[in-house]
Amino acid sequence: MSEFSAVTEGIRAYGATASSMAAQVETAAMGTAAAGPVLLGPAFGLIGGDFVAAFATAHGGHAAALTNLARTLGSMSEAAHASAAAYDSADLGAATGLSATGNGLEA
């Protein structure tokens, strides 16, 4: 039988880091949305309309990608915390079972 060991504090630390990164990326996504291409319209005028339209498409894709990345990082954080809790619960359950079995073996 091979051994398995999980350091749940490390898993939780990873989850906390992913959560922090999610918040930072979400802030960047909001900043990106606030600085939309609508602000460029007056600067480019009628001549730059095609550029502004193309930029708006690219900008929308960029904002969507940032939002998806923030959600992914948030999901990774939740999964890490849930995994750590499951490992701790399984470990406690095994220890409790062994302790109960051992209580009947005392001389």
PDB file of N, CA and C in Angstrom:
ATOM      1  N   MET A   1       0.851  -1.180   0.000  1.00  0.00           N
ATOM      2  CA  MET A   1       0.000   0.000   0.000  1.00  0.00           C
ATOM      3  C   MET A   1       0.894   1.240   0.000  1.00  0.00           C
ATOM      4  N   SER A   2       0.583   2.172  -0.858  1.00  0.00           N
ATOM      5  CA  SER A   2       1.366   3.404  -0.885  1.00  0.00           C
ATOM      6  C   SER A   2       0.773   4.402   0.101  1.00  0.00           C
ATOM      7  N   GLU A   3       1.619   5.284   0.574  1.00  0.00           N
ATOM      8  CA  GLU A   3       1.188   6.264   1.577  1.00  0.00           C
ATOM      9  C   GLU A   3       0.706   7.539   0.895  1.00  0.00           C
ATOM     10  N   PHE A   4      -0.208   8.189   1.558  1.00  0.00           N
ATOM     11  CA  PHE A   4      -0.712   9.476   1.089  1.00  0.00           C
ATOM     12  C   PHE A   4      -0.746  10.416   2.276  1.00  0.00           C
ATOM     13  N   SER A   5      -0.291  11.612   2.054  1.00  0.00           N
ATOM     14  CA  SER A   5      -0.307  12.617   3.108  1.00  0.00           C
ATOM     15  C   SER A   5      -0.741  13.950   2.505  1.00  0.00           C
ATOM     16  N   ALA A   6      -1.644  14.618   3.181  1.00  0.00           N
ATOM     17  CA  ALA A   6      -2.098  15.939   2.732  1.00  0.00           C
ATOM     18  C   ALA A   6      -1.891  16.931   3.867  1.00  0.00           C
ATOM     19  N   VAL A   7      -1.213  18.003   3.576  1.00  0.00           N
ATOM     20  CA  VAL A   7      -1.009  19.063   4.558  1.00  0.00           C
ATOM     21  C   VAL A   7      -2.144  20.071   4.353  1.00  0.00           C
ATOM     22  N   THR A   8      -3.178  19.922   5.170  1.00  0.00           N
ATOM     23  CA  THR A   8      -4.384  20.726   4.955  1.00  0.00           C
ATOM     24  C   THR A   8      -4.151  22.217   5.188  1.00  0.00           C
ATOM     25  N   GLU A   9      -3.204  22.558   6.040  1.00  0.00           N
ATOM     26  CA  GLU A   9      -2.899  23.981   6.226  1.00  0.00           C
ATOM     27  C   GLU A   9      -2.359  24.569   4.925  1.00  0.00           C
ATOM     28  N   GLY A  10      -1.541  23.801   4.225  1.00  0.00           N
ATOM     29  CA  GLY A  10      -1.006  24.246   2.939  1.00  0.00           C
ATOM     30  C   GLY A  10      -2.093  24.359   1.881  1.00  0.00           C
ATOM     31  N   ILE A  11      -3.026  23.408   1.893  1.00  0.00           N
ATOM     32  CA  ILE A  11      -4.138  23.455   0.945  1.00  0.00           C
ATOM     33  C   ILE A  11      -4.993  24.688   1.217  1.00  0.00           C
ATOM     34  N   ARG A  12      -5.229  24.959   2.492  1.00  0.00           N
ATOM     35  CA  ARG A  12      -6.007  26.157   2.845  1.00  0.00           C
ATOM     36  C   ARG A  12      -5.258  27.438   2.466  1.00  0.00           C
ATOM     37  N   ALA A  13      -3.944  27.444   2.647  1.00  0.00           N
ATOM     38  CA  ALA A  13      -3.146  28.620   2.264  1.00  0.00           C
ATOM     39  C   ALA A  13      -3.245  28.849   0.755  1.00  0.00           C
ATOM     40  N   TYR A  14      -3.209  27.761  -0.010  1.00  0.00           N
ATOM     41  CA  TYR A  14      -3.385  27.881  -1.460  1.00  0.00           C
ATOM     42  C   TYR A  14      -4.766  28.458  -1.774  1.00  0.00           C
ATOM     43  N   GLY A  15      -5.780  27.979  -1.070  1.00  0.00           N
ATOM     44  CA  GLY A  15      -7.137  28.491  -1.262  1.00  0.00           C
ATOM     45  C   GLY A  15      -7.232  29.973  -0.954  1.00  0.00           C
ATOM     46  N   ALA A  16      -6.562  30.402   0.107  1.00  0.00           N
ATOM     47  CA  ALA A  16      -6.573  31.823   0.468  1.00  0.00           C
ATOM     48  C   ALA A  16      -5.862  32.659  -0.595  1.00  0.00           C
ATOM     49  N   THR A  17      -4.764  32.131  -1.128  1.00  0.00           N
ATOM     50  CA  THR A  17      -4.043  32.841  -2.183  1.00  0.00           C
ATOM     51  C   THR A  17      -4.902  32.958  -3.436  1.00  0.00           C
ATOM     52  N   ALA A  18      -5.570  31.866  -3.803  1.00  0.00           N
ATOM     53  CA  ALA A  18      -6.445  31.899  -4.980  1.00  0.00           C
ATOM     54  C   ALA A  18      -7.587  32.892  -4.780  1.00  0.00           C
ATOM     55  N   SER A  19      -8.118  32.965  -3.562  1.00  0.00           N
ATOM     56  CA  SER A  19      -9.187  33.915  -3.263  1.00  0.00           C
ATOM     57  C   SER A  19      -8.696  35.352  -3.399  1.00  0.00           C
ATOM     58  N   SER A  20      -7.504  35.608  -2.899  1.00  0.00           N
ATOM     59  CA  SER A  20      -6.918  36.945  -3.011  1.00  0.00           C
ATOM     60  C   SER A  20      -6.690  37.315  -4.476  1.00  0.00           C
ATOM     61  N   MET A  21      -6.190  36.357  -5.243  1.00  0.00           N
ATOM     62  CA  MET A  21      -5.971  36.605  -6.669  1.00  0.00           C
ATOM     63  C   MET A  21      -7.293  36.865  -7.382  1.00  0.00           C
ATOM     64  N   ALA A  22      -8.335  36.134  -7.003  1.00  0.00           N
ATOM     65  CA  ALA A  22      -9.656  36.340  -7.609  1.00  0.00           C
ATOM     66  C   ALA A  22     -10.144  37.759  -7.356  1.00  0.00           C
ATOM     67  N   ALA A  23      -9.957  38.237  -6.138  1.00  0.00           N
ATOM     68  CA  ALA A  23     -10.385  39.599  -5.804  1.00  0.00           C
ATOM     69  C   ALA A  23      -9.598  40.632  -6.609  1.00  0.00           C
ATOM     70  N   GLN A  24      -8.298  40.405  -6.768  1.00  0.00           N
ATOM     71  CA  GLN A  24      -7.476  41.342  -7.526  1.00  0.00           C
ATOM     72  C   GLN A  24      -7.860  41.360  -9.005  1.00  0.00           C
ATOM     73  N   VAL A  25      -8.111  40.177  -9.555  1.00  0.00           N
ATOM     74  CA  VAL A  25      -8.504  40.106 -10.967  1.00  0.00           C
ATOM     75  C   VAL A  25      -9.888  40.723 -11.160  1.00  0.00           C
ATOM     76  N   GLU A  26     -10.782  40.504 -10.192  1.00  0.00           N
ATOM     77  CA  GLU A  26     -12.116  41.114 -10.282  1.00  0.00           C
ATOM     78  C   GLU A  26     -12.015  42.640 -10.260  1.00  0.00           C
ATOM     79  N   THR A  27     -11.124  43.167  -9.429  1.00  0.00           N
ATOM     80  CA  THR A  27     -10.900  44.614  -9.397  1.00  0.00           C
ATOM     81  C   THR A  27     -10.385  45.102 -10.749  1.00  0.00           C
ATOM     82  N   ALA A  28      -9.474  44.339 -11.337  1.00  0.00           N
ATOM     83  CA  ALA A  28      -8.960  44.703 -12.665  1.00  0.00           C
ATOM     84  C   ALA A  28     -10.068  44.655 -13.710  1.00  0.00           C
ATOM     85  N   ALA A  29     -10.950  43.669 -13.607  1.00  0.00           N
ATOM     86  CA  ALA A  29     -12.063  43.561 -14.560  1.00  0.00           C
ATOM     87  C   ALA A  29     -12.996  44.760 -14.442  1.00  0.00           C
ATOM     88  N   MET A  30     -13.266  45.181 -13.214  1.00  0.00           N
ATOM     89  CA  MET A  30     -14.134  46.353 -13.024  1.00  0.00           C
ATOM     90  C   MET A  30     -13.472  47.616 -13.569  1.00  0.00           C
ATOM     91  N   GLY A  31     -12.165  47.739 -13.354  1.00  0.00           N
ATOM     92  CA  GLY A  31     -11.439  48.887 -13.898  1.00  0.00           C
ATOM     93  C   GLY A  31     -11.435  48.880 -15.412  1.00  0.00           C
ATOM     94  N   THR A  32     -11.314  47.691 -15.980  1.00  0.00           N
ATOM     95  CA  THR A  32     -11.345  47.563 -17.435  1.00  0.00           C
ATOM     96  C   THR A  32     -12.707  47.973 -17.981  1.00  0.00           C
ATOM     97  N   ALA A  33     -13.764  47.524 -17.318  1.00  0.00           N
ATOM     98  CA  ALA A  33     -15.115  47.866 -17.767  1.00  0.00           C
ATOM     99  C   ALA A  33     -15.362  49.374 -17.668  1.00  0.00           C
ATOM    100  N   ALA A  34     -14.828  49.995 -16.626  1.00  0.00           N
ATOM    101  CA  ALA A  34     -15.030  51.435 -16.430  1.00  0.00           C
ATOM    102  C   ALA A  34     -14.286  52.262 -17.474  1.00  0.00           C
ATOM    103  N   ALA A  35     -13.198  51.727 -17.983  1.00  0.00           N
ATOM    104  CA  ALA A  35     -12.399  52.455 -18.978  1.00  0.00           C
ATOM    105  C   ALA A  35     -12.724  51.949 -20.380  1.00  0.00           C
ATOM    106  N   GLY A  36     -13.989  51.844 -20.671  1.00  0.00           N
ATOM    107  CA  GLY A  36     -14.433  51.284 -21.941  1.00  0.00           C
ATOM    108  C   GLY A  36     -14.137  52.162 -23.136  1.00  0.00           C
ATOM    109  N   PRO A  37     -14.322  51.601 -24.312  1.00  0.00           N
ATOM    110  CA  PRO A  37     -14.021  52.314 -25.552  1.00  0.00           C
ATOM    111  C   PRO A  37     -14.967  53.478 -25.847  1.00  0.00           C
ATOM    112  N   VAL A  38     -16.061  53.578 -25.114  1.00  0.00           N
ATOM    113  CA  VAL A  38     -16.973  54.714 -25.305  1.00  0.00           C
ATOM    114  C   VAL A  38     -16.221  56.023 -25.079  1.00  0.00           C
ATOM    115  N   LEU A  39     -15.249  55.974 -24.181  1.00  0.00           N
ATOM    116  CA  LEU A  39     -14.467  57.176 -23.887  1.00  0.00           C
ATOM    117  C   LEU A  39     -13.611  57.611 -25.076  1.00  0.00           C
ATOM    118  N   LEU A  40     -13.333  56.676 -25.998  1.00  0.00           N
ATOM    119  CA  LEU A  40     -12.477  56.999 -27.144  1.00  0.00           C
ATOM    120  C   LEU A  40     -13.231  57.666 -28.290  1.00  0.00           C
ATOM    121  N   GLY A  41     -14.538  57.510 -28.321  1.00  0.00           N
ATOM    122  CA  GLY A  41     -15.330  58.050 -29.426  1.00  0.00           C
ATOM    123  C   GLY A  41     -15.038  59.502 -29.748  1.00  0.00           C
ATOM    124  N   PRO A  42     -15.108  60.398 -28.781  1.00  0.00           N
ATOM    125  CA  PRO A  42     -14.831  61.812 -29.075  1.00  0.00           C
ATOM    126  C   PRO A  42     -13.400  62.058 -29.558  1.00  0.00           C
ATOM    127  N   ALA A  43     -12.456  61.261 -29.089  1.00  0.00           N
ATOM    128  CA  ALA A  43     -11.066  61.475 -29.481  1.00  0.00           C
ATOM    129  C   ALA A  43     -10.825  61.091 -30.942  1.00  0.00           C
ATOM    130  N   PHE A  44     -11.506  60.058 -31.417  1.00  0.00           N
ATOM    131  CA  PHE A  44     -11.294  59.595 -32.788  1.00  0.00           C
ATOM    132  C   PHE A  44     -12.287  60.183 -33.783  1.00  0.00           C
ATOM    133  N   GLY A  45     -13.397  60.661 -33.287  1.00  0.00           N
ATOM    134  CA  GLY A  45     -14.384  61.277 -34.172  1.00  0.00           C
ATOM    135  C   GLY A  45     -14.974  60.291 -35.166  1.00  0.00           C
ATOM    136  N   LEU A  46     -15.512  60.817 -36.251  1.00  0.00           N
ATOM    137  CA  LEU A  46     -16.167  59.982 -37.259  1.00  0.00           C
ATOM    138  C   LEU A  46     -15.181  59.115 -38.028  1.00  0.00           C
ATOM    139  N   ILE A  47     -13.987  59.615 -38.230  1.00  0.00           N
ATOM    140  CA  ILE A  47     -12.989  58.890 -39.017  1.00  0.00           C
ATOM    141  C   ILE A  47     -12.538  57.617 -38.302  1.00  0.00           C
ATOM    142  N   GLY A  48     -12.469  57.664 -36.997  1.00  0.00           N
ATOM    143  CA  GLY A  48     -11.978  56.515 -36.236  1.00  0.00           C
ATOM    144  C   GLY A  48     -13.057  55.559 -35.780  1.00  0.00           C
ATOM    145  N   GLY A  49     -14.254  55.685 -36.325  1.00  0.00           N
ATOM    146  CA  GLY A  49     -15.369  54.840 -35.898  1.00  0.00           C
ATOM    147  C   GLY A  49     -15.105  53.357 -36.061  1.00  0.00           C
ATOM    148  N   ASP A  50     -14.483  52.970 -37.179  1.00  0.00           N
ATOM    149  CA  ASP A  50     -14.187  51.548 -37.397  1.00  0.00           C
ATOM    150  C   ASP A  50     -13.193  51.032 -36.362  1.00  0.00           C
ATOM    151  N   PHE A  51     -12.183  51.862 -36.070  1.00  0.00           N
ATOM    152  CA  PHE A  51     -11.208  51.450 -35.058  1.00  0.00           C
ATOM    153  C   PHE A  51     -11.871  51.302 -33.698  1.00  0.00           C
ATOM    154  N   VAL A  52     -12.694  52.266 -33.332  1.00  0.00           N
ATOM    155  CA  VAL A  52     -13.369  52.217 -32.029  1.00  0.00           C
ATOM    156  C   VAL A  52     -14.274  50.991 -31.957  1.00  0.00           C
ATOM    157  N   ALA A  53     -14.949  50.649 -33.043  1.00  0.00           N
ATOM    158  CA  ALA A  53     -15.809  49.461 -33.057  1.00  0.00           C
ATOM    159  C   ALA A  53     -14.982  48.187 -32.871  1.00  0.00           C
ATOM    160  N   ALA A  54     -13.859  48.093 -33.570  1.00  0.00           N
ATOM    161  CA  ALA A  54     -12.985  46.920 -33.425  1.00  0.00           C
ATOM    162  C   ALA A  54     -12.402  46.858 -32.018  1.00  0.00           C
ATOM    163  N   PHE A  55     -12.025  48.017 -31.516  1.00  0.00           N
ATOM    164  CA  PHE A  55     -11.472  48.058 -30.162  1.00  0.00           C
ATOM    165  C   PHE A  55     -12.526  47.662 -29.135  1.00  0.00           C
ATOM    166  N   ALA A  56     -13.765  48.071 -29.363  1.00  0.00           N
ATOM    167  CA  ALA A  56     -14.851  47.712 -28.441  1.00  0.00           C
ATOM    168  C   ALA A  56     -15.029  46.204 -28.383  1.00  0.00           C
ATOM    169  N   THR A  57     -14.921  45.542 -29.528  1.00  0.00           N
ATOM    170  CA  THR A  57     -15.028  44.083 -29.561  1.00  0.00           C
ATOM    171  C   THR A  57     -13.885  43.441 -28.780  1.00  0.00           C
ATOM    172  N   ALA A  58     -12.674  43.895 -29.026  1.00  0.00           N
ATOM    173  CA  ALA A  58     -11.513  43.355 -28.306  1.00  0.00           C
ATOM    174  C   ALA A  58     -11.611  43.654 -26.816  1.00  0.00           C
ATOM    175  N   HIS A  59     -12.052  44.845 -26.496  1.00  0.00           N
ATOM    176  CA  HIS A  59     -12.185  45.254 -25.096  1.00  0.00           C
ATOM    177  C   HIS A  59     -13.209  44.386 -24.378  1.00  0.00           C
ATOM    178  N   GLY A  60     -14.324  44.112 -25.037  1.00  0.00           N
ATOM    179  CA  GLY A  60     -15.349  43.249 -24.449  1.00  0.00           C
ATOM    180  C   GLY A  60     -14.820  41.849 -24.184  1.00  0.00           C
ATOM    181  N   GLY A  61     -14.046  41.316 -25.123  1.00  0.00           N
ATOM    182  CA  GLY A  61     -13.437  39.997 -24.928  1.00  0.00           C
ATOM    183  C   GLY A  61     -12.458  39.990 -23.773  1.00  0.00           C
ATOM    184  N   HIS A  62     -11.688  41.055 -23.663  1.00  0.00           N
ATOM    185  CA  HIS A  62     -10.719  41.169 -22.567  1.00  0.00           C
ATOM    186  C   HIS A  62     -11.433  41.234 -21.215  1.00  0.00           C
ATOM    187  N   ALA A  63     -12.469  42.044 -21.133  1.00  0.00           N
ATOM    188  CA  ALA A  63     -13.224  42.164 -19.876  1.00  0.00           C
ATOM    189  C   ALA A  63     -13.880  40.836 -19.513  1.00  0.00           C
ATOM    190  N   ALA A  64     -14.421  40.134 -20.509  1.00  0.00           N
ATOM    191  CA  ALA A  64     -15.044  38.828 -20.255  1.00  0.00           C
ATOM    192  C   ALA A  64     -14.009  37.814 -19.786  1.00  0.00           C
ATOM    193  N   ALA A  65     -12.824  37.840 -20.382  1.00  0.00           N
ATOM    194  CA  ALA A  65     -11.764  36.912 -19.975  1.00  0.00           C
ATOM    195  C   ALA A  65     -11.332  37.176 -18.535  1.00  0.00           C
ATOM    196  N   LEU A  66     -11.227  38.434 -18.157  1.00  0.00           N
ATOM    197  CA  LEU A  66     -10.865  38.759 -16.774  1.00  0.00           C
ATOM    198  C   LEU A  66     -11.937  38.286 -15.800  1.00  0.00           C
ATOM    199  N   THR A  67     -13.196  38.478 -16.164  1.00  0.00           N
ATOM    200  CA  THR A  67     -14.293  38.032 -15.307  1.00  0.00           C
ATOM    201  C   THR A  67     -14.276  36.514 -15.157  1.00  0.00           C
ATOM    202  N   ASN A  68     -14.051  35.802 -16.264  1.00  0.00           N
ATOM    203  CA  ASN A  68     -13.977  34.338 -16.200  1.00  0.00           C
ATOM    204  C   ASN A  68     -12.792  33.871 -15.366  1.00  0.00           C
ATOM    205  N   LEU A  69     -11.662  34.552 -15.490  1.00  0.00           N
ATOM    206  CA  LEU A  69     -10.491  34.194 -14.692  1.00  0.00           C
ATOM    207  C   LEU A  69     -10.768  34.398 -13.211  1.00  0.00           C
ATOM    208  N   ALA A  70     -11.421  35.490 -12.862  1.00  0.00           N
ATOM    209  CA  ALA A  70     -11.759  35.744 -11.455  1.00  0.00           C
ATOM    210  C   ALA A  70     -12.679  34.652 -10.923  1.00  0.00           C
ATOM    211  N   ARG A  71     -13.665  34.249 -11.721  1.00  0.00           N
ATOM    212  CA  ARG A  71     -14.568  33.169 -11.296  1.00  0.00           C
ATOM    213  C   ARG A  71     -13.816  31.855 -11.128  1.00  0.00           C
ATOM    214  N   THR A  72     -12.912  31.570 -12.051  1.00  0.00           N
ATOM    215  CA  THR A  72     -12.132  30.333 -11.975  1.00  0.00           C
ATOM    216  C   THR A  72     -11.274  30.316 -10.718  1.00  0.00           C
ATOM    217  N   LEU A  73     -10.616  31.419 -10.439  1.00  0.00           N
ATOM    218  CA  LEU A  73      -9.795  31.493  -9.228  1.00  0.00           C
ATOM    219  C   LEU A  73     -10.656  31.355  -7.978  1.00  0.00           C
ATOM    220  N   GLY A  74     -11.834  31.951  -7.983  1.00  0.00           N
ATOM    221  CA  GLY A  74     -12.753  31.799  -6.857  1.00  0.00           C
ATOM    222  C   GLY A  74     -13.177  30.352  -6.672  1.00  0.00           C
ATOM    223  N   SER A  75     -13.451  29.663  -7.777  1.00  0.00           N
ATOM    224  CA  SER A  75     -13.821  28.244  -7.704  1.00  0.00           C
ATOM    225  C   SER A  75     -12.663  27.394  -7.198  1.00  0.00           C
ATOM    226  N   MET A  76     -11.453  27.728  -7.624  1.00  0.00           N
ATOM    227  CA  MET A  76     -10.277  27.001  -7.141  1.00  0.00           C
ATOM    228  C   MET A  76     -10.122  27.180  -5.633  1.00  0.00           C
ATOM    229  N   SER A  77     -10.372  28.386  -5.150  1.00  0.00           N
ATOM    230  CA  SER A  77     -10.294  28.651  -3.715  1.00  0.00           C
ATOM    231  C   SER A  77     -11.317  27.815  -2.957  1.00  0.00           C
ATOM    232  N   GLU A  78     -12.556  27.821  -3.449  1.00  0.00           N
ATOM    233  CA  GLU A  78     -13.612  27.043  -2.792  1.00  0.00           C
ATOM    234  C   GLU A  78     -13.272  25.557  -2.789  1.00  0.00           C
ATOM    235  N   ALA A  79     -12.756  25.049  -3.904  1.00  0.00           N
ATOM    236  CA  ALA A  79     -12.401  23.634  -3.999  1.00  0.00           C
ATOM    237  C   ALA A  79     -11.261  23.286  -3.044  1.00  0.00           C
ATOM    238  N   ALA A  80     -10.284  24.170  -2.925  1.00  0.00           N
ATOM    239  CA  ALA A  80      -9.163  23.911  -2.016  1.00  0.00           C
ATOM    240  C   ALA A  80      -9.644  23.845  -0.572  1.00  0.00           C
ATOM    241  N   HIS A  81     -10.489  24.786  -0.178  1.00  0.00           N
ATOM    242  CA  HIS A  81     -11.002  24.782   1.195  1.00  0.00           C
ATOM    243  C   HIS A  81     -11.878  23.558   1.455  1.00  0.00           C
ATOM    244  N   ALA A  82     -12.699  23.180   0.478  1.00  0.00           N
ATOM    245  CA  ALA A  82     -13.549  21.995   0.634  1.00  0.00           C
ATOM    246  C   ALA A  82     -12.704  20.727   0.716  1.00  0.00           C
ATOM    247  N   SER A  83     -11.645  20.650  -0.082  1.00  0.00           N
ATOM    248  CA  SER A  83     -10.755  19.483  -0.042  1.00  0.00           C
ATOM    249  C   SER A  83     -10.059  19.373   1.304  1.00  0.00           C
ATOM    250  N   ALA A  84      -9.566  20.497   1.802  1.00  0.00           N
ATOM    251  CA  ALA A  84      -8.894  20.483   3.106  1.00  0.00           C
ATOM    252  C   ALA A  84      -9.855  20.032   4.194  1.00  0.00           C
ATOM    253  N   ALA A  85     -11.082  20.525   4.155  1.00  0.00           N
ATOM    254  CA  ALA A  85     -12.079  20.120   5.154  1.00  0.00           C
ATOM    255  C   ALA A  85     -12.394  18.633   5.034  1.00  0.00           C
ATOM    256  N   ALA A  86     -12.490  18.128   3.803  1.00  0.00           N
ATOM    257  CA  ALA A  86     -12.777  16.703   3.602  1.00  0.00           C
ATOM    258  C   ALA A  86     -11.626  15.837   4.112  1.00  0.00           C
ATOM    259  N   TYR A  87     -10.385  16.247   3.846  1.00  0.00           N
ATOM    260  CA  TYR A  87      -9.234  15.490   4.353  1.00  0.00           C
ATOM    261  C   TYR A  87      -9.220  15.482   5.880  1.00  0.00           C
ATOM    262  N   ASP A  88      -9.467  16.647   6.479  1.00  0.00           N
ATOM    263  CA  ASP A  88      -9.495  16.714   7.945  1.00  0.00           C
ATOM    264  C   ASP A  88     -10.605  15.843   8.511  1.00  0.00           C
ATOM    265  N   SER A  89     -11.763  15.872   7.878  1.00  0.00           N
ATOM    266  CA  SER A  89     -12.895  15.072   8.342  1.00  0.00           C
ATOM    267  C   SER A  89     -12.601  13.579   8.223  1.00  0.00           C
ATOM    268  N   ALA A  90     -12.017  13.170   7.100  1.00  0.00           N
ATOM    269  CA  ALA A  90     -11.674  11.757   6.912  1.00  0.00           C
ATOM    270  C   ALA A  90     -10.624  11.319   7.924  1.00  0.00           C
ATOM    271  N   ASP A  91      -9.648  12.172   8.169  1.00  0.00           N
ATOM    272  CA  ASP A  91      -8.601  11.855   9.140  1.00  0.00           C
ATOM    273  C   ASP A  91      -9.186  11.720  10.541  1.00  0.00           C
ATOM    274  N   LEU A  92     -10.065  12.640  10.913  1.00  0.00           N
ATOM    275  CA  LEU A  92     -10.699  12.583  12.226  1.00  0.00           C
ATOM    276  C   LEU A  92     -11.573  11.337  12.349  1.00  0.00           C
ATOM    277  N   GLY A  93     -12.304  11.007  11.289  1.00  0.00           N
ATOM    278  CA  GLY A  93     -13.141   9.811  11.312  1.00  0.00           C
ATOM    279  C   GLY A  93     -12.326   8.544  11.481  1.00  0.00           C
ATOM    280  N   ALA A  94     -11.208   8.451  10.777  1.00  0.00           N
ATOM    281  CA  ALA A  94     -10.342   7.278  10.909  1.00  0.00           C
ATOM    282  C   ALA A  94      -9.738   7.211  12.305  1.00  0.00           C
ATOM    283  N   ALA A  95      -9.300   8.345  12.826  1.00  0.00           N
ATOM    284  CA  ALA A  95      -8.707   8.367  14.168  1.00  0.00           C
ATOM    285  C   ALA A  95      -9.735   7.993  15.223  1.00  0.00           C
ATOM    286  N   THR A  96     -10.955   8.477  15.069  1.00  0.00           N
ATOM    287  CA  THR A  96     -12.018   8.152  16.023  1.00  0.00           C
ATOM    288  C   THR A  96     -12.329   6.659  15.982  1.00  0.00           C
ATOM    289  N   GLY A  97     -12.394   6.099  14.780  1.00  0.00           N
ATOM    290  CA  GLY A  97     -12.651   4.665  14.641  1.00  0.00           C
ATOM    291  C   GLY A  97     -11.549   3.823  15.243  1.00  0.00           C
ATOM    292  N   LEU A  98     -10.312   4.206  15.009  1.00  0.00           N
ATOM    293  CA  LEU A  98      -9.186   3.463  15.583  1.00  0.00           C
ATOM    294  C   LEU A  98      -9.163   3.585  17.099  1.00  0.00           C
ATOM    295  N   SER A  99      -9.477   4.759  17.593  1.00  0.00           N
ATOM    296  CA  SER A  99      -9.499   4.969  19.040  1.00  0.00           C
ATOM    297  C   SER A  99     -10.575   4.111  19.690  1.00  0.00           C
ATOM    298  N   ALA A 100     -11.744   4.045  19.064  1.00  0.00           N
ATOM    299  CA  ALA A 100     -12.833   3.232  19.609  1.00  0.00           C
ATOM    300  C   ALA A 100     -12.461   1.757  19.601  1.00  0.00           C
ATOM    301  N   THR A 101     -11.799   1.314  18.554  1.00  0.00           N
ATOM    302  CA  THR A 101     -11.368  -0.082  18.475  1.00  0.00           C
ATOM    303  C   THR A 101     -10.301  -0.369  19.517  1.00  0.00           C
ATOM    304  N   GLY A 102      -9.402   0.570  19.693  1.00  0.00           N
ATOM    305  CA  GLY A 102      -8.318   0.381  20.657  1.00  0.00           C
ATOM    306  C   GLY A 102      -8.790   0.378  22.093  1.00  0.00           C
ATOM    307  N   ASN A 103      -9.885   1.051  22.394  1.00  0.00           N
ATOM    308  CA  ASN A 103     -10.386   1.097  23.768  1.00  0.00           C
ATOM    309  C   ASN A 103     -10.746  -0.290  24.281  1.00  0.00           C
ATOM    310  N   GLY A 104     -11.223  -1.154  23.437  1.00  0.00           N
ATOM    311  CA  GLY A 104     -11.587  -2.498  23.866  1.00  0.00           C
ATOM    312  C   GLY A 104     -10.396  -3.420  24.015  1.00  0.00           C
ATOM    313  N   LEU A 105      -9.222  -3.017  23.590  1.00  0.00           N
ATOM    314  CA  LEU A 105      -8.038  -3.870  23.623  1.00  0.00           C
ATOM    315  C   LEU A 105      -7.155  -3.622  24.834  1.00  0.00           C
ATOM    316  N   GLU A 106      -7.485  -2.663  25.641  1.00  0.00           N
ATOM    317  CA  GLU A 106      -6.639  -2.344  26.789  1.00  0.00           C
ATOM    318  C   GLU A 106      -6.706  -3.469  27.812  1.00  0.00           C
ATOM    319  N   ALA A 107      -5.571  -3.762  28.401  1.00  0.00           N
ATOM    320  CA  ALA A 107      -5.521  -4.849  29.383  1.00  0.00           C
ATOM    321  C   ALA A 107      -5.704  -4.341  30.783  1.00  0.00           C
TER     322      ALA A 107
END
